[in-house]
PDB file of all heavy atoms in Angstrom:
ATOM      1  N   GLY A   1      -5.068  -7.939 -18.618  1.00  0.00           N
ATOM      2  CA  GLY A   1      -3.627  -7.943 -18.482  1.00  0.00           C
ATOM      3  C   GLY A   1      -2.950  -6.731 -19.076  1.00  0.00           C
ATOM      4  O   GLY A   1      -1.756  -6.506 -18.836  1.00  0.00           O
ATOM      5  N   GLY A   2      -3.692  -5.933 -19.829  1.00  0.00           N
ATOM      6  CA  GLY A   2      -3.142  -4.746 -20.447  1.00  0.00           C
ATOM      7  C   GLY A   2      -3.107  -3.564 -19.511  1.00  0.00           C
ATOM      8  O   GLY A   2      -3.453  -3.666 -18.332  1.00  0.00           O
ATOM      9  N   SER A   3      -2.701  -2.412 -20.060  1.00  0.00           N
ATOM     10  CA  SER A   3      -2.538  -1.203 -19.260  1.00  0.00           C
ATOM     11  C   SER A   3      -3.182  -0.007 -19.936  1.00  0.00           C
ATOM     12  O   SER A   3      -3.290   0.055 -21.163  1.00  0.00           O
ATOM     13  CB  SER A   3      -1.050  -0.899 -19.033  1.00  0.00           C
ATOM     14  OG  SER A   3      -0.401  -1.942 -18.325  1.00  0.00           O
ATOM     15  N   LEU A   4      -3.602   0.948 -19.120  1.00  0.00           N
ATOM     16  CA  LEU A   4      -4.094   2.236 -19.571  1.00  0.00           C
ATOM     17  C   LEU A   4      -3.623   3.301 -18.597  1.00  0.00           C
ATOM     18  O   LEU A   4      -3.417   3.019 -17.414  1.00  0.00           O
ATOM     19  CB  LEU A   4      -5.623   2.275 -19.645  1.00  0.00           C
ATOM     20  CG  LEU A   4      -6.327   1.581 -20.808  1.00  0.00           C
ATOM     21  CD1 LEU A   4      -7.839   1.628 -20.578  1.00  0.00           C
ATOM     22  CD2 LEU A   4      -5.969   2.233 -22.128  1.00  0.00           C
ATOM     23  N   ARG A   5      -3.473   4.522 -19.085  1.00  0.00           N
ATOM     24  CA  ARG A   5      -3.177   5.654 -18.220  1.00  0.00           C
ATOM     25  C   ARG A   5      -4.226   6.727 -18.423  1.00  0.00           C
ATOM     26  O   ARG A   5      -4.353   7.275 -19.522  1.00  0.00           O
ATOM     27  CB  ARG A   5      -1.787   6.238 -18.483  1.00  0.00           C
ATOM     28  CG  ARG A   5      -1.393   7.285 -17.427  1.00  0.00           C
ATOM     29  CD  ARG A   5      -0.019   7.888 -17.655  1.00  0.00           C
ATOM     30  NE  ARG A   5      -0.006   8.826 -18.768  1.00  0.00           N
ATOM     31  CZ  ARG A   5       0.967   9.700 -19.005  1.00  0.00           C
ATOM     32  NH1 ARG A   5       2.023   9.739 -18.192  1.00  0.00           N
ATOM     33  NH2 ARG A   5       0.902  10.508 -20.045  1.00  0.00           N
ATOM     34  N   LEU A   6      -4.978   7.009 -17.377  1.00  0.00           N
ATOM     35  CA  LEU A   6      -5.966   8.066 -17.402  1.00  0.00           C
ATOM     36  C   LEU A   6      -5.332   9.375 -16.954  1.00  0.00           C
ATOM     37  O   LEU A   6      -4.462   9.386 -16.088  1.00  0.00           O
ATOM     38  CB  LEU A   6      -7.144   7.738 -16.484  1.00  0.00           C
ATOM     39  CG  LEU A   6      -7.843   6.391 -16.692  1.00  0.00           C
ATOM     40  CD1 LEU A   6      -9.025   6.271 -15.740  1.00  0.00           C
ATOM     41  CD2 LEU A   6      -8.283   6.223 -18.139  1.00  0.00           C
ATOM     42  N   SER A   7      -5.775  10.469 -17.543  1.00  0.00           N
ATOM     43  CA  SER A   7      -5.291  11.773 -17.146  1.00  0.00           C
ATOM     44  C   SER A   7      -6.459  12.692 -16.834  1.00  0.00           C
ATOM     45  O   SER A   7      -7.546  12.549 -17.394  1.00  0.00           O
ATOM     46  CB  SER A   7      -4.400  12.400 -18.228  1.00  0.00           C
ATOM     47  OG  SER A   7      -5.132  12.633 -19.410  1.00  0.00           O
ATOM     48  N   CYS A   8      -6.225  13.636 -15.949  1.00  0.00           N
ATOM     49  CA  CYS A   8      -7.235  14.604 -15.542  1.00  0.00           C
ATOM     50  C   CYS A   8      -6.554  15.955 -15.427  1.00  0.00           C
ATOM     51  O   CYS A   8      -5.772  16.179 -14.493  1.00  0.00           O
ATOM     52  CB  CYS A   8      -7.873  14.184 -14.220  1.00  0.00           C
ATOM     53  SG  CYS A   8      -9.068  15.355 -13.550  1.00  0.00           S
ATOM     54  N   ALA A   9      -6.837  16.841 -16.371  1.00  0.00           N
ATOM     55  CA  ALA A   9      -6.226  18.162 -16.399  1.00  0.00           C
ATOM     56  C   ALA A   9      -7.129  19.166 -15.705  1.00  0.00           C
ATOM     57  O   ALA A   9      -8.316  19.268 -16.020  1.00  0.00           O
ATOM     58  CB  ALA A   9      -5.955  18.593 -17.833  1.00  0.00           C
ATOM     59  N   ALA A  10      -6.569  19.926 -14.780  1.00  0.00           N
ATOM     60  CA  ALA A  10      -7.317  20.907 -14.007  1.00  0.00           C
ATOM     61  C   ALA A  10      -7.071  22.312 -14.536  1.00  0.00           C
ATOM     62  O   ALA A  10      -5.946  22.664 -14.892  1.00  0.00           O
ATOM     63  CB  ALA A  10      -6.930  20.831 -12.531  1.00  0.00           C
ATOM     64  N   SER A  11      -8.132  23.122 -14.568  1.00  0.00           N
ATOM     65  CA  SER A  11      -8.005  24.498 -15.042  1.00  0.00           C
ATOM     66  C   SER A  11      -7.289  25.378 -14.035  1.00  0.00           C
ATOM     67  O   SER A  11      -6.665  26.369 -14.406  1.00  0.00           O
ATOM     68  CB  SER A  11      -9.387  25.076 -15.353  1.00  0.00           C
ATOM     69  OG  SER A  11     -10.201  25.106 -14.196  1.00  0.00           O
ATOM     70  N   ALA A  12      -7.382  25.042 -12.760  1.00  0.00           N
ATOM     71  CA  ALA A  12      -6.716  25.787 -11.703  1.00  0.00           C
ATOM     72  C   ALA A  12      -5.354  25.176 -11.408  1.00  0.00           C
ATOM     73  O   ALA A  12      -5.097  24.015 -11.732  1.00  0.00           O
ATOM     74  CB  ALA A  12      -7.564  25.807 -10.436  1.00  0.00           C
ATOM     75  N   SER A  13      -4.505  25.968 -10.799  1.00  0.00           N
ATOM     76  CA  SER A  13      -3.204  25.464 -10.379  1.00  0.00           C
ATOM     77  C   SER A  13      -3.391  24.298  -9.430  1.00  0.00           C
ATOM     78  O   SER A  13      -4.239  24.335  -8.539  1.00  0.00           O
ATOM     79  CB  SER A  13      -2.389  26.557  -9.704  1.00  0.00           C
ATOM     80  OG  SER A  13      -1.223  26.044  -9.108  1.00  0.00           O
ATOM     81  N   ILE A  14      -2.592  23.271  -9.610  1.00  0.00           N
ATOM     82  CA  ILE A  14      -2.716  22.093  -8.770  1.00  0.00           C
ATOM     83  C   ILE A  14      -2.352  22.409  -7.320  1.00  0.00           C
ATOM     84  O   ILE A  14      -2.736  21.676  -6.411  1.00  0.00           O
ATOM     85  CB  ILE A  14      -1.867  20.935  -9.329  1.00  0.00           C
ATOM     86  CG1 ILE A  14      -2.385  19.592  -8.815  1.00  0.00           C
ATOM     87  CG2 ILE A  14      -0.396  21.122  -9.007  1.00  0.00           C
ATOM     88  CD1 ILE A  14      -1.858  18.409  -9.590  1.00  0.00           C
ATOM     89  N   PHE A  15      -1.650  23.510  -7.106  1.00  0.00           N
ATOM     90  CA  PHE A  15      -1.327  23.922  -5.736  1.00  0.00           C
ATOM     91  C   PHE A  15      -2.561  24.435  -4.997  1.00  0.00           C
ATOM     92  O   PHE A  15      -2.541  24.520  -3.768  1.00  0.00           O
ATOM     93  CB  PHE A  15      -0.235  24.983  -5.745  1.00  0.00           C
ATOM     94  CG  PHE A  15       1.097  24.490  -6.202  1.00  0.00           C
ATOM     95  CD1 PHE A  15       1.610  24.852  -7.441  1.00  0.00           C
ATOM     96  CD2 PHE A  15       1.848  23.653  -5.404  1.00  0.00           C
ATOM     97  CE1 PHE A  15       2.840  24.394  -7.866  1.00  0.00           C
ATOM     98  CE2 PHE A  15       3.086  23.180  -5.818  1.00  0.00           C
ATOM     99  CZ  PHE A  15       3.583  23.553  -7.053  1.00  0.00           C
ATOM    100  N   SER A  16      -3.621  24.793  -5.732  1.00  0.00           N
ATOM    101  CA  SER A  16      -4.867  25.219  -5.110  1.00  0.00           C
ATOM    102  C   SER A  16      -5.749  24.039  -4.730  1.00  0.00           C
ATOM    103  O   SER A  16      -6.758  24.227  -4.058  1.00  0.00           O
ATOM    104  CB  SER A  16      -5.636  26.149  -6.051  1.00  0.00           C
ATOM    105  OG  SER A  16      -4.881  27.309  -6.360  1.00  0.00           O
ATOM    106  N   ILE A  17      -5.380  22.851  -5.175  1.00  0.00           N
ATOM    107  CA  ILE A  17      -6.168  21.647  -4.950  1.00  0.00           C
ATOM    108  C   ILE A  17      -5.551  20.850  -3.807  1.00  0.00           C
ATOM    109  O   ILE A  17      -4.400  20.434  -3.898  1.00  0.00           O
ATOM    110  CB  ILE A  17      -6.252  20.803  -6.226  1.00  0.00           C
ATOM    111  CG1 ILE A  17      -6.891  21.620  -7.346  1.00  0.00           C
ATOM    112  CG2 ILE A  17      -7.023  19.518  -5.973  1.00  0.00           C
ATOM    113  CD1 ILE A  17      -6.878  20.942  -8.694  1.00  0.00           C
ATOM    114  N   SER A  18      -6.331  20.635  -2.764  1.00  0.00           N
ATOM    115  CA  SER A  18      -5.825  19.937  -1.594  1.00  0.00           C
ATOM    116  C   SER A  18      -5.858  18.426  -1.752  1.00  0.00           C
ATOM    117  O   SER A  18      -5.054  17.722  -1.137  1.00  0.00           O
ATOM    118  CB  SER A  18      -6.607  20.348  -0.347  1.00  0.00           C
ATOM    119  OG  SER A  18      -7.983  20.037  -0.485  1.00  0.00           O
ATOM    120  N   ALA A  19      -6.795  17.928  -2.556  1.00  0.00           N
ATOM    121  CA  ALA A  19      -6.917  16.489  -2.744  1.00  0.00           C
ATOM    122  C   ALA A  19      -7.533  16.193  -4.101  1.00  0.00           C
ATOM    123  O   ALA A  19      -8.347  16.967  -4.613  1.00  0.00           O
ATOM    124  CB  ALA A  19      -7.762  15.864  -1.636  1.00  0.00           C
ATOM    125  N   MET A  20      -7.152  15.069  -4.677  1.00  0.00           N
ATOM    126  CA  MET A  20      -7.760  14.597  -5.908  1.00  0.00           C
ATOM    127  C   MET A  20      -7.969  13.100  -5.787  1.00  0.00           C
ATOM    128  O   MET A  20      -7.253  12.422  -5.049  1.00  0.00           O
ATOM    129  CB  MET A  20      -6.902  14.913  -7.131  1.00  0.00           C
ATOM    130  CG  MET A  20      -6.698  16.394  -7.374  1.00  0.00           C
ATOM    131  SD  MET A  20      -5.973  16.764  -8.993  1.00  0.00           S
ATOM    132  CE  MET A  20      -7.394  16.449 -10.056  1.00  0.00           C
ATOM    133  N   GLY A  21      -8.951  12.612  -6.507  1.00  0.00           N
ATOM    134  CA  GLY A  21      -9.239  11.193  -6.457  1.00  0.00           C
ATOM    135  C   GLY A  21      -9.860  10.690  -7.737  1.00  0.00           C
ATOM    136  O   GLY A  21     -10.380  11.464  -8.542  1.00  0.00           O
ATOM    137  N   TRP A  22      -9.762   9.389  -7.916  1.00  0.00           N
ATOM    138  CA  TRP A  22     -10.410   8.705  -9.020  1.00  0.00           C
ATOM    139  C   TRP A  22     -11.483   7.796  -8.463  1.00  0.00           C
ATOM    140  O   TRP A  22     -11.241   7.038  -7.516  1.00  0.00           O
ATOM    141  CB  TRP A  22      -9.408   7.890  -9.844  1.00  0.00           C
ATOM    142  CG  TRP A  22      -8.480   8.717 -10.673  1.00  0.00           C
ATOM    143  CD1 TRP A  22      -7.241   9.143 -10.352  1.00  0.00           C
ATOM    144  CD2 TRP A  22      -8.745   9.207 -12.000  1.00  0.00           C
ATOM    145  NE1 TRP A  22      -6.698   9.874 -11.381  1.00  0.00           N
ATOM    146  CE2 TRP A  22      -7.599   9.930 -12.403  1.00  0.00           C
ATOM    147  CE3 TRP A  22      -9.822   9.111 -12.874  1.00  0.00           C
ATOM    148  CZ2 TRP A  22      -7.506  10.556 -13.652  1.00  0.00           C
ATOM    149  CZ3 TRP A  22      -9.734   9.726 -14.114  1.00  0.00           C
ATOM    150  CH2 TRP A  22      -8.586  10.436 -14.485  1.00  0.00           C
ATOM    151  N   TYR A  23     -12.670   7.875  -9.042  1.00  0.00           N
ATOM    152  CA  TYR A  23     -13.794   7.025  -8.699  1.00  0.00           C
ATOM    153  C   TYR A  23     -14.225   6.271  -9.945  1.00  0.00           C
ATOM    154  O   TYR A  23     -13.911   6.663 -11.065  1.00  0.00           O
ATOM    155  CB  TYR A  23     -14.965   7.855  -8.163  1.00  0.00           C
ATOM    156  CG  TYR A  23     -14.707   8.528  -6.833  1.00  0.00           C
ATOM    157  CD1 TYR A  23     -13.850   9.614  -6.728  1.00  0.00           C
ATOM    158  CD2 TYR A  23     -15.333   8.076  -5.672  1.00  0.00           C
ATOM    159  CE1 TYR A  23     -13.617  10.229  -5.506  1.00  0.00           C
ATOM    160  CE2 TYR A  23     -15.114   8.687  -4.454  1.00  0.00           C
ATOM    161  CZ  TYR A  23     -14.252   9.769  -4.381  1.00  0.00           C
ATOM    162  OH  TYR A  23     -14.033  10.376  -3.168  1.00  0.00           O
ATOM    163  N   ARG A  24     -14.956   5.187  -9.752  1.00  0.00           N
ATOM    164  CA  ARG A  24     -15.484   4.459 -10.894  1.00  0.00           C
ATOM    165  C   ARG A  24     -16.878   3.944 -10.574  1.00  0.00           C
ATOM    166  O   ARG A  24     -17.227   3.709  -9.422  1.00  0.00           O
ATOM    167  CB  ARG A  24     -14.565   3.302 -11.297  1.00  0.00           C
ATOM    168  CG  ARG A  24     -14.473   2.167 -10.289  1.00  0.00           C
ATOM    169  CD  ARG A  24     -13.426   1.156 -10.729  1.00  0.00           C
ATOM    170  NE  ARG A  24     -13.326   0.025  -9.818  1.00  0.00           N
ATOM    171  CZ  ARG A  24     -12.400  -0.921  -9.902  1.00  0.00           C
ATOM    172  NH1 ARG A  24     -11.486  -0.881 -10.872  1.00  0.00           N
ATOM    173  NH2 ARG A  24     -12.384  -1.920  -9.027  1.00  0.00           N
ATOM    174  N   GLN A  25     -17.659   3.774 -11.632  1.00  0.00           N
ATOM    175  CA  GLN A  25     -19.013   3.276 -11.489  1.00  0.00           C
ATOM    176  C   GLN A  25     -19.322   2.317 -12.627  1.00  0.00           C
ATOM    177  O   GLN A  25     -19.279   2.695 -13.795  1.00  0.00           O
ATOM    178  CB  GLN A  25     -20.022   4.426 -11.475  1.00  0.00           C
ATOM    179  CG  GLN A  25     -21.439   3.997 -11.171  1.00  0.00           C
ATOM    180  CD  GLN A  25     -22.353   5.173 -10.878  1.00  0.00           C
ATOM    181  OE1 GLN A  25     -22.068   6.304 -11.270  1.00  0.00           O
ATOM    182  NE2 GLN A  25     -23.435   4.917 -10.173  1.00  0.00           N
ATOM    183  N   ALA A  26     -19.620   1.082 -12.265  1.00  0.00           N
ATOM    184  CA  ALA A  26     -20.021   0.067 -13.223  1.00  0.00           C
ATOM    185  C   ALA A  26     -21.542   0.013 -13.296  1.00  0.00           C
ATOM    186  O   ALA A  26     -22.225   0.418 -12.348  1.00  0.00           O
ATOM    187  CB  ALA A  26     -19.459  -1.292 -12.818  1.00  0.00           C
ATOM    188  N   PRO A  27     -22.098  -0.486 -14.400  1.00  0.00           N
ATOM    189  CA  PRO A  27     -23.560  -0.574 -14.519  1.00  0.00           C
ATOM    190  C   PRO A  27     -24.182  -1.350 -13.362  1.00  0.00           C
ATOM    191  O   PRO A  27     -23.713  -2.437 -13.016  1.00  0.00           O
ATOM    192  CB  PRO A  27     -23.753  -1.306 -15.846  1.00  0.00           C
ATOM    193  CG  PRO A  27     -22.533  -0.977 -16.636  1.00  0.00           C
ATOM    194  CD  PRO A  27     -21.426  -0.945 -15.620  1.00  0.00           C
ATOM    195  N   GLY A  28     -25.213  -0.778 -12.760  1.00  0.00           N
ATOM    196  CA  GLY A  28     -25.908  -1.431 -11.670  1.00  0.00           C
ATOM    197  C   GLY A  28     -25.210  -1.373 -10.332  1.00  0.00           C
ATOM    198  O   GLY A  28     -25.690  -1.984  -9.370  1.00  0.00           O
ATOM    199  N   LYS A  29     -24.098  -0.661 -10.245  1.00  0.00           N
ATOM    200  CA  LYS A  29     -23.351  -0.564  -9.005  1.00  0.00           C
ATOM    201  C   LYS A  29     -23.182   0.896  -8.597  1.00  0.00           C
ATOM    202  O   LYS A  29     -23.275   1.805  -9.418  1.00  0.00           O
ATOM    203  CB  LYS A  29     -21.976  -1.222  -9.135  1.00  0.00           C
ATOM    204  CG  LYS A  29     -22.015  -2.700  -9.463  1.00  0.00           C
ATOM    205  CD  LYS A  29     -20.625  -3.296  -9.534  1.00  0.00           C
ATOM    206  CE  LYS A  29     -19.931  -3.279  -8.192  1.00  0.00           C
ATOM    207  NZ  LYS A  29     -18.592  -3.938  -8.244  1.00  0.00           N
ATOM    208  N   GLN A  30     -22.937   1.107  -7.310  1.00  0.00           N
ATOM    209  CA  GLN A  30     -22.693   2.450  -6.806  1.00  0.00           C
ATOM    210  C   GLN A  30     -21.284   2.911  -7.165  1.00  0.00           C
ATOM    211  O   GLN A  30     -20.384   2.101  -7.374  1.00  0.00           O
ATOM    212  CB  GLN A  30     -22.879   2.496  -5.285  1.00  0.00           C
ATOM    213  CG  GLN A  30     -24.303   2.246  -4.817  1.00  0.00           C
ATOM    214  CD  GLN A  30     -24.453   2.437  -3.315  1.00  0.00           C
ATOM    215  OE1 GLN A  30     -23.498   2.773  -2.617  1.00  0.00           O
ATOM    216  NE2 GLN A  30     -25.656   2.236  -2.824  1.00  0.00           N
ATOM    217  N   ARG A  31     -21.118   4.218  -7.236  1.00  0.00           N
ATOM    218  CA  ARG A  31     -19.805   4.776  -7.489  1.00  0.00           C
ATOM    219  C   ARG A  31     -18.889   4.468  -6.307  1.00  0.00           C
ATOM    220  O   ARG A  31     -19.275   4.628  -5.147  1.00  0.00           O
ATOM    221  CB  ARG A  31     -19.904   6.282  -7.718  1.00  0.00           C
ATOM    222  CG  ARG A  31     -18.613   6.929  -8.166  1.00  0.00           C
ATOM    223  CD  ARG A  31     -18.839   8.386  -8.562  1.00  0.00           C
ATOM    224  NE  ARG A  31     -19.769   8.500  -9.672  1.00  0.00           N
ATOM    225  CZ  ARG A  31     -20.076   9.659 -10.268  1.00  0.00           C
ATOM    226  NH1 ARG A  31     -19.519  10.783  -9.865  1.00  0.00           N
ATOM    227  NH2 ARG A  31     -20.944   9.673 -11.271  1.00  0.00           N
TER     228      ARG A  31
END
């Protein structure tokens, strides 16, 4: 029921990045 905020800082300008995504992988499961 709680909340978290993940952040991902890029070394390049974000204007150079066409897409970004978040993936997750639990033990014994595929990403």
